[in-house]
C-alpha atoms as a PDB file:
ATOM      1  CA  MET A   1     -27.840  29.231  29.396  1.00  0.00           C
ATOM      2  CA  THR A   2     -30.949  30.370  27.580  1.00  0.00           C
ATOM      3  CA  LYS A   3     -33.322  27.729  26.222  1.00  0.00           C
ATOM      4  CA  GLN A   4     -34.281  29.994  23.326  1.00  0.00           C
ATOM      5  CA  ALA A   5     -32.835  28.805  20.041  1.00  0.00           C
ATOM      6  CA  SER A   6     -30.449  30.981  18.107  1.00  0.00           C
ATOM      7  CA  ASN A   7     -31.720  32.488  14.866  1.00  0.00           C
ATOM      8  CA  VAL A   8     -30.529  34.619  11.938  1.00  0.00           C
ATOM      9  CA  ILE A   9     -32.175  37.779  10.581  1.00  0.00           C
ATOM     10  CA  VAL A  10     -30.852  39.657   7.541  1.00  0.00           C
ATOM     11  CA  LYS A  11     -31.817  43.229   6.638  1.00  0.00           C
ATOM     12  CA  ALA A  12     -30.729  44.847   3.377  1.00  0.00           C
ATOM     13  CA  LEU A  13     -29.369  48.412   3.596  1.00  0.00           C
ATOM     14  CA  PRO A  14     -29.156  51.161   0.961  1.00  0.00           C
ATOM     15  CA  LYS A  15     -26.244  50.651  -1.410  1.00  0.00           C
ATOM     16  CA  LYS A  16     -23.036  52.632  -0.963  1.00  0.00           C
ATOM     17  CA  GLY A  17     -21.726  52.996  -4.458  1.00  0.00           C
ATOM     18  CA  SER A  18     -21.622  49.528  -5.981  1.00  0.00           C
ATOM     19  CA  LEU A  19     -21.536  47.697  -2.635  1.00  0.00           C
ATOM     20  CA  GLU A  20     -24.540  45.774  -1.344  1.00  0.00           C
ATOM     21  CA  ASN A  21     -24.778  46.350   2.405  1.00  0.00           C
ATOM     22  CA  PHE A  22     -26.621  44.369   5.057  1.00  0.00           C
ATOM     23  CA  HIS A  23     -27.220  44.050   8.761  1.00  0.00           C
ATOM     24  CA  VAL A  24     -27.058  40.462  10.024  1.00  0.00           C
ATOM     25  CA  TYR A  25     -28.567  39.669  13.427  1.00  0.00           C
ATOM     26  CA  ILE A  26     -27.617  36.456  15.241  1.00  0.00           C
ATOM     27  CA  THR A  27     -29.909  36.010  18.230  1.00  0.00           C
ATOM     28  CA  ASN A  28     -29.155  34.109  21.444  1.00  0.00           C
ATOM     29  CA  ALA A  29     -25.612  33.089  20.565  1.00  0.00           C
ATOM     30  CA  VAL A  30     -23.045  32.131  23.200  1.00  0.00           C
ATOM     31  CA  VAL A  31     -19.901  34.258  23.280  1.00  0.00           C
ATOM     32  CA  PHE A  32     -16.385  33.682  24.591  1.00  0.00           C
ATOM     33  CA  PHE A  33     -13.445  36.103  24.796  1.00  0.00           C
ATOM     34  CA  ALA A  34     -15.539  39.203  24.191  1.00  0.00           C
ATOM     35  CA  SER A  35     -13.382  42.332  23.843  1.00  0.00           C
ATOM     36  CA  VAL A  36     -16.104  44.870  23.197  1.00  0.00           C
ATOM     37  CA  HIS A  37     -15.342  47.754  25.551  1.00  0.00           C
ATOM     38  CA  GLU A  38     -11.618  47.967  24.844  1.00  0.00           C
ATOM     39  CA  PRO A  39      -9.767  46.634  21.787  1.00  0.00           C
ATOM     40  CA  LYS A  40      -7.057  43.998  22.131  1.00  0.00           C
ATOM     41  CA  LEU A  41      -3.904  43.368  20.107  1.00  0.00           C
ATOM     42  CA  LYS A  42      -4.429  41.440  16.900  1.00  0.00           C
ATOM     43  CA  TYR A  43      -2.424  38.256  16.452  1.00  0.00           C
ATOM     44  CA  GLN A  44       1.224  39.068  15.656  1.00  0.00           C
ATOM     45  CA  SER A  45       0.436  42.754  15.154  1.00  0.00           C
ATOM     46  CA  GLN A  46       0.611  46.093  16.917  1.00  0.00           C
ATOM     47  CA  ASP A  47      -2.866  46.937  15.617  1.00  0.00           C
ATOM     48  CA  LYS A  48      -5.872  46.456  17.862  1.00  0.00           C
ATOM     49  CA  GLU A  49      -9.405  45.238  17.300  1.00  0.00           C
ATOM     50  CA  PHE A  50     -12.653  44.545  19.110  1.00  0.00           C
ATOM     51  CA  GLY A  51     -14.094  41.069  18.781  1.00  0.00           C
ATOM     52  CA  ALA A  52     -15.611  37.885  20.156  1.00  0.00           C
ATOM     53  CA  THR A  53     -15.759  34.179  19.515  1.00  0.00           C
ATOM     54  CA  VAL A  54     -19.367  33.233  18.788  1.00  0.00           C
ATOM     55  CA  PHE A  55     -21.002  29.809  19.137  1.00  0.00           C
ATOM     56  CA  VAL A  56     -24.194  28.750  17.335  1.00  0.00           C
ATOM     57  CA  ASN A  57     -25.970  25.472  16.604  1.00  0.00           C
ATOM     58  CA  GLU A  58     -25.532  23.551  13.369  1.00  0.00           C
ATOM     59  CA  GLU A  59     -28.783  24.843  11.859  1.00  0.00           C
ATOM     60  CA  VAL A  60     -27.728  28.466  12.301  1.00  0.00           C
ATOM     61  CA  LYS A  61     -24.224  27.664  11.071  1.00  0.00           C
ATOM     62  CA  ASP A  62     -25.625  26.144   7.874  1.00  0.00           C
ATOM     63  CA  LYS A  63     -27.925  29.123   7.326  1.00  0.00           C
ATOM     64  CA  LEU A  64     -25.054  31.589   7.754  1.00  0.00           C
ATOM     65  CA  LEU A  65     -22.892  29.666   5.287  1.00  0.00           C
ATOM     66  CA  ASP A  66     -25.453  28.480   2.719  1.00  0.00           C
ATOM     67  CA  GLU A  67     -28.033  31.291   2.679  1.00  0.00           C
ATOM     68  CA  VAL A  68     -26.296  34.368   4.072  1.00  0.00           C
ATOM     69  CA  MET A  69     -22.972  33.220   2.563  1.00  0.00           C
ATOM     70  CA  LEU A  70     -20.982  34.600   5.469  1.00  0.00           C
ATOM     71  CA  ASN A  71     -17.256  34.883   4.708  1.00  0.00           C
ATOM     72  CA  LYS A  72     -16.280  32.938   7.835  1.00  0.00           C
ATOM     73  CA  SER A  73     -14.769  29.623   8.886  1.00  0.00           C
ATOM     74  CA  PHE A  74     -16.688  27.599  11.480  1.00  0.00           C
ATOM     75  CA  SER A  75     -15.224  24.962  13.803  1.00  0.00           C
ATOM     76  CA  GLU A  76     -17.213  22.320  15.646  1.00  0.00           C
ATOM     77  CA  VAL A  77     -16.435  22.192  19.351  1.00  0.00           C
ATOM     78  CA  GLY A  78     -14.329  19.167  20.195  1.00  0.00           C
ATOM     79  CA  VAL A  79     -14.055  18.046  16.553  1.00  0.00           C
ATOM     80  CA  THR A  80     -12.627  20.516  14.025  1.00  0.00           C
ATOM     81  CA  LYS A  81      -8.852  20.853  13.904  1.00  0.00           C
ATOM     82  CA  THR A  82      -6.801  23.915  12.982  1.00  0.00           C
ATOM     83  CA  SER A  83      -5.633  24.056   9.373  1.00  0.00           C
ATOM     84  CA  LYS A  84      -1.990  24.890  10.081  1.00  0.00           C
ATOM     85  CA  PRO A  85       0.447  22.418  11.671  1.00  0.00           C
ATOM     86  CA  PRO A  86       0.753  21.349  14.347  1.00  0.00           C
ATOM     87  CA  ARG A  87      -2.949  20.618  13.870  1.00  0.00           C
ATOM     88  CA  LYS A  88      -4.981  20.559  17.055  1.00  0.00           C
ATOM     89  CA  ILE A  89      -8.627  20.803  18.105  1.00  0.00           C
ATOM     90  CA  LYS A  90      -9.669  24.421  17.673  1.00  0.00           C
ATOM     91  CA  PHE A  91     -12.176  24.406  20.545  1.00  0.00           C
ATOM     92  CA  PRO A  92     -11.202  21.436  22.759  1.00  0.00           C
ATOM     93  CA  LEU A  93     -13.308  19.736  25.412  1.00  0.00           C
ATOM     94  CA  SER A  94     -11.948  19.095  28.912  1.00  0.00           C
ATOM     95  CA  ASN A  95     -11.047  15.501  28.040  1.00  0.00           C
ATOM     96  CA  GLN A  96      -8.943  16.759  25.095  1.00  0.00           C
ATOM     97  CA  VAL A  97      -6.657  19.069  27.077  1.00  0.00           C
ATOM     98  CA  GLU A  98      -4.509  18.868  30.175  1.00  0.00           C
ATOM     99  CA  GLU A  99      -6.265  19.328  33.504  1.00  0.00           C
ATOM    100  CA  GLY A 100      -6.736  23.009  34.287  1.00  0.00           C
ATOM    101  CA  LYS A 101      -6.434  24.135  30.673  1.00  0.00           C
ATOM    102  CA  ALA A 102      -9.194  26.145  28.984  1.00  0.00           C
ATOM    103  CA  ASN A 103     -12.000  24.048  27.541  1.00  0.00           C
ATOM    104  CA  TYR A 104     -15.304  24.530  25.754  1.00  0.00           C
ATOM    105  CA  ASP A 105     -17.497  21.970  27.542  1.00  0.00           C
ATOM    106  CA  LEU A 106     -20.137  24.684  28.013  1.00  0.00           C
ATOM    107  CA  VAL A 107     -20.724  24.876  24.250  1.00  0.00           C
ATOM    108  CA  LYS A 108     -20.289  21.213  23.351  1.00  0.00           C
ATOM    109  CA  GLY A 109     -22.179  20.424  20.151  1.00  0.00           C
ATOM    110  CA  LEU A 110     -22.035  24.003  18.863  1.00  0.00           C
ATOM    111  CA  TRP A 111     -19.973  25.622  16.109  1.00  0.00           C
ATOM    112  CA  GLY A 112     -17.686  28.600  16.717  1.00  0.00           C
ATOM    113  CA  PHE A 113     -16.379  31.479  14.611  1.00  0.00           C
ATOM    114  CA  THR A 114     -14.834  34.844  15.347  1.00  0.00           C
ATOM    115  CA  VAL A 115     -16.052  38.293  14.425  1.00  0.00           C
ATOM    116  CA  ALA A 116     -14.080  41.501  14.908  1.00  0.00           C
ATOM    117  CA  LYS A 117     -13.955  45.242  14.315  1.00  0.00           C
ATOM    118  CA  PRO A 118     -10.717  47.213  13.827  1.00  0.00           C
ATOM    119  CA  GLU A 119      -9.910  49.926  16.348  1.00  0.00           C
ATOM    120  CA  PHE A 120      -9.580  52.379  13.462  1.00  0.00           C
ATOM    121  CA  SER A 121     -11.422  52.591  10.151  1.00  0.00           C
ATOM    122  CA  LYS A 122      -9.641  52.749   6.800  1.00  0.00           C
ATOM    123  CA  ALA A 123     -10.039  56.528   7.020  1.00  0.00           C
ATOM    124  CA  GLY A 124      -8.271  56.561  10.387  1.00  0.00           C
ATOM    125  CA  ASN A 125     -11.356  57.230  12.510  1.00  0.00           C
ATOM    126  CA  ARG A 126     -11.572  55.566  15.911  1.00  0.00           C
ATOM    127  CA  GLN A 127     -14.341  52.970  16.083  1.00  0.00           C
ATOM    128  CA  ALA A 128     -16.346  51.333  18.865  1.00  0.00           C
ATOM    129  CA  VAL A 129     -18.773  48.479  19.478  1.00  0.00           C
ATOM    130  CA  ASN A 130     -22.200  49.256  20.915  1.00  0.00           C
ATOM    131  CA  VAL A 131     -22.871  47.101  23.996  1.00  0.00           C
ATOM    132  CA  ILE A 132     -26.422  47.193  25.366  1.00  0.00           C
ATOM    133  CA  ASP A 133     -28.773  45.271  27.634  1.00  0.00           C
ATOM    134  CA  THR A 134     -32.208  43.936  26.696  1.00  0.00           C
ATOM    135  CA  GLU A 135     -33.771  47.336  27.500  1.00  0.00           C
ATOM    136  CA  GLY A 136     -31.456  49.146  25.105  1.00  0.00           C
ATOM    137  CA  ASN A 137     -29.372  50.725  27.873  1.00  0.00           C
ATOM    138  CA  ALA A 138     -25.580  50.821  27.779  1.00  0.00           C
ATOM    139  CA  PHE A 139     -24.021  47.662  29.260  1.00  0.00           C
ATOM    140  CA  THR A 140     -20.720  48.593  30.871  1.00  0.00           C
ATOM    141  CA  GLU A 141     -19.627  45.350  32.572  1.00  0.00           C
ATOM    142  CA  ASN A 142     -17.116  43.025  30.944  1.00  0.00           C
ATOM    143  CA  VAL A 143     -18.871  40.184  29.128  1.00  0.00           C
ATOM    144  CA  GLY A 144     -17.709  36.820  30.492  1.00  0.00           C
ATOM    145  CA  ASN A 145     -17.377  33.493  28.695  1.00  0.00           C
ATOM    146  CA  GLY A 146     -20.715  31.741  28.300  1.00  0.00           C
ATOM    147  CA  SER A 147     -22.789  34.917  28.140  1.00  0.00           C
ATOM    148  CA  VAL A 148     -25.767  34.713  25.785  1.00  0.00           C
ATOM    149  CA  CYS A 149     -25.914  37.633  23.375  1.00  0.00           C
ATOM    150  CA  THR A 150     -27.642  38.881  20.262  1.00  0.00           C
ATOM    151  CA  LEU A 151     -25.155  40.226  17.737  1.00  0.00           C
ATOM    152  CA  LYS A 152     -25.718  42.850  15.078  1.00  0.00           C
ATOM    153  CA  LEU A 153     -23.145  42.638  12.285  1.00  0.00           C
ATOM    154  CA  PHE A 154     -22.576  45.074   9.434  1.00  0.00           C
ATOM    155  CA  GLY A 155     -21.661  43.416   6.168  1.00  0.00           C
ATOM    156  CA  TYR A 156     -21.056  43.955   2.480  1.00  0.00           C
ATOM    157  CA  LYS A 157     -20.896  41.519  -0.419  1.00  0.00           C
ATOM    158  CA  ASN A 158     -17.481  40.973  -1.945  1.00  0.00           C
ATOM    159  CA  GLN A 159     -16.802  40.122  -5.576  1.00  0.00           C
ATOM    160  CA  ASP A 160     -17.416  36.429  -4.855  1.00  0.00           C
ATOM    161  CA  GLY A 161     -20.874  37.149  -3.434  1.00  0.00           C
ATOM    162  CA  GLN A 162     -19.790  36.366   0.108  1.00  0.00           C
ATOM    163  CA  LEU A 163     -20.799  38.613   2.978  1.00  0.00           C
ATOM    164  CA  VAL A 164     -17.830  40.194   4.770  1.00  0.00           C
ATOM    165  CA  VAL A 165     -18.919  41.308   8.239  1.00  0.00           C
ATOM    166  CA  THR A 166     -17.744  43.340  11.195  1.00  0.00           C
ATOM    167  CA  LEU A 167     -19.169  43.547  14.715  1.00  0.00           C
ATOM    168  CA  ASP A 168     -21.513  46.501  15.216  1.00  0.00           C
ATOM    169  CA  THR A 169     -23.574  45.849  18.355  1.00  0.00           C
ATOM    170  CA  MET A 170     -23.679  43.242  21.133  1.00  0.00           C
ATOM    171  CA  GLN A 171     -26.864  42.944  23.172  1.00  0.00           C
ATOM    172  CA  VAL A 172     -26.306  41.009  26.394  1.00  0.00           C
ATOM    173  CA  VAL A 173     -29.283  38.716  26.994  1.00  0.00           C
ATOM    174  CA  GLU A 174     -27.898  36.545  29.810  1.00  0.00           C
ATOM    175  CA  HIS A 175     -24.748  37.803  31.475  1.00  0.00           C
ATOM    176  CA  VAL A 176     -21.980  35.654  32.901  1.00  0.00           C
ATOM    177  CA  ALA A 177     -19.550  37.599  35.083  1.00  0.00           C
ATOM    178  CA  TYR A 178     -16.094  38.029  33.611  1.00  0.00           C
ATOM    179  CA  GLU A 179     -13.319  36.067  35.327  1.00  0.00           C
ATOM    180  CA  GLY A 180      -9.841  37.444  34.752  1.00  0.00           C
ATOM    181  CA  ARG A 181      -6.783  35.264  34.489  1.00  0.00           C
ATOM    182  CA  SER A 182      -5.179  34.181  37.735  1.00  0.00           C
ATOM    183  CA  GLY A 183      -2.456  36.546  38.786  1.00  0.00           C
ATOM    184  CA  SER A 184      -4.086  39.563  37.164  1.00  0.00           C
ATOM    185  CA  SER A 185      -6.225  40.614  40.127  1.00  0.00           C
ATOM    186  CA  ASP A 186      -6.619  44.316  40.989  1.00  0.00           C
ATOM    187  CA  SER A 187      -6.058  43.594  44.694  1.00  0.00           C
ATOM    188  CA  VAL A 188      -2.993  42.500  46.651  1.00  0.00           C
ATOM    189  CA  GLU A 189      -2.692  40.516  49.861  1.00  0.00           C
ATOM    190  CA  ASP A 190       0.359  41.894  51.735  1.00  0.00           C
ATOM    191  CA  GLU A 191       1.741  40.445  55.008  1.00  0.00           C
ATOM    192  CA  VAL A 192       2.502  43.935  56.352  1.00  0.00           C
ATOM    193  CA  LEU A 193       0.020  46.240  54.641  1.00  0.00           C
ATOM    194  CA  GLY A 194      -2.875  43.831  54.482  1.00  0.00           C
ATOM    195  CA  SER A 195      -5.293  43.738  51.541  1.00  0.00           C
ATOM    196  CA  TYR A 196      -5.360  46.762  49.231  1.00  0.00           C
ATOM    197  CA  LYS A 197      -6.360  47.753  45.731  1.00  0.00           C
ATOM    198  CA  VAL A 198      -3.782  48.275  43.010  1.00  0.00           C
ATOM    199  CA  LYS A 199      -3.870  51.700  41.414  1.00  0.00           C
ATOM    200  CA  LYS A 200      -4.155  51.381  37.652  1.00  0.00           C
ATOM    201  CA  VAL A 201      -1.757  53.404  35.530  1.00  0.00           C
ATOM    202  CA  GLU A 202      -3.039  54.562  32.156  1.00  0.00           C
ATOM    203  CA  ALA A 203      -0.779  53.946  29.211  1.00  0.00           C
ATOM    204  CA  LYS A 204       0.617  56.922  27.325  1.00  0.00           C
ATOM    205  CA  PRO A 205      -1.038  57.810  24.023  1.00  0.00           C
ATOM    206  CA  ALA A 206       0.816  56.321  21.072  1.00  0.00           C
ATOM    207  CA  GLU A 207       2.097  59.699  19.914  1.00  0.00           C
ATOM    208  CA  GLU A 208       3.745  60.293  23.303  1.00  0.00           C
ATOM    209  CA  GLU A 209       5.439  56.922  23.471  1.00  0.00           C
ATOM    210  CA  GLN A 210       9.178  57.318  22.994  1.00  0.00           C
ATOM    211  CA  ALA A 211      10.397  53.779  23.500  1.00  0.00           C
ATOM    212  CA  PRO A 212      10.349  51.426  20.515  1.00  0.00           C
ATOM    213  CA  ALA A 213       7.308  49.184  20.276  1.00  0.00           C
ATOM    214  CA  ARG A 214       7.744  45.864  22.008  1.00  0.00           C
ATOM    215  CA  LYS A 215       6.830  42.613  20.373  1.00  0.00           C
ATOM    216  CA  PRO A 216       3.405  41.604  21.746  1.00  0.00           C
ATOM    217  CA  ALA A 217       2.970  38.477  23.784  1.00  0.00           C
ATOM    218  CA  PRO A 218       1.591  35.496  21.870  1.00  0.00           C
ATOM    219  CA  GLN A 219      -2.160  35.732  21.467  1.00  0.00           C
ATOM    220  CA  ALA A 220      -4.815  33.106  20.891  1.00  0.00           C
ATOM    221  CA  GLU A 221      -4.787  30.894  17.812  1.00  0.00           C
ATOM    222  CA  PRO A 222      -5.391  33.107  14.751  1.00  0.00           C
ATOM    223  CA  GLU A 223      -8.416  32.640  12.595  1.00  0.00           C
ATOM    224  CA  ASP A 224      -8.366  31.864   8.897  1.00  0.00           C
ATOM    225  CA  ASP A 225     -10.663  34.772   8.107  1.00  0.00           C
ATOM    226  CA  ASP A 226      -9.045  37.794   6.510  1.00  0.00           C
ATOM    227  CA  LEU A 227     -10.568  40.984   7.917  1.00  0.00           C
ATOM    228  CA  ASP A 228      -8.152  43.341   6.179  1.00  0.00           C
ATOM    229  CA  SER A 229     -10.530  43.696   3.243  1.00  0.00           C
ATOM    230  CA  LEU A 230     -13.129  45.572   5.316  1.00  0.00           C
ATOM    231  CA  PRO A 231     -13.730  48.991   3.716  1.00  0.00           C
ATOM    232  CA  PHE A 232     -14.496  50.867   6.945  1.00  0.00           C
END
């Protein structure tokens, strides 16, 4: 992991109507569960969104909350519990979960929050997240847990003076290869046919789907932040 400390940079943008707009840059943050090339299902919803869980040190966390007034909830790794029962550690360490379960030992001592971007804007336009390398070129690989990234967020101030943000750009500074879940490999070991690649089948566009929508599988623990108020 990079030895460079994370930092926050805020740039004011021209107003859009009565809204104050900003770009917020968070440098050298550690990301987990980055869905930046393809959107994933939102918790208990058929809608999709891009997003990532971002980890920063306490100094950056305090600056984002006290100075930038980011409209986000932060959880300390291995300490902060979820607000809804049954309460449990939001980002547990290996000694706080059963053996083999996901843990956040890599970011012990840091504070995590999530940032997202809806698949579609309020106007119905398809959206995307820019993913680049340190040279400004497109970064097309999946971003694995523990990757160090600089994030560019777009935000506007709400009526309470808090900054509501959405993910705009992710610059990959130090890449960790993505490791898929066990059992979801694209290759098969067959006793007769040997090893071969599985051909991927593209899903039908939503307008062509005839079968009723299925209830999505349970997703990760939802966040307290309400992103529905984003105006884009």
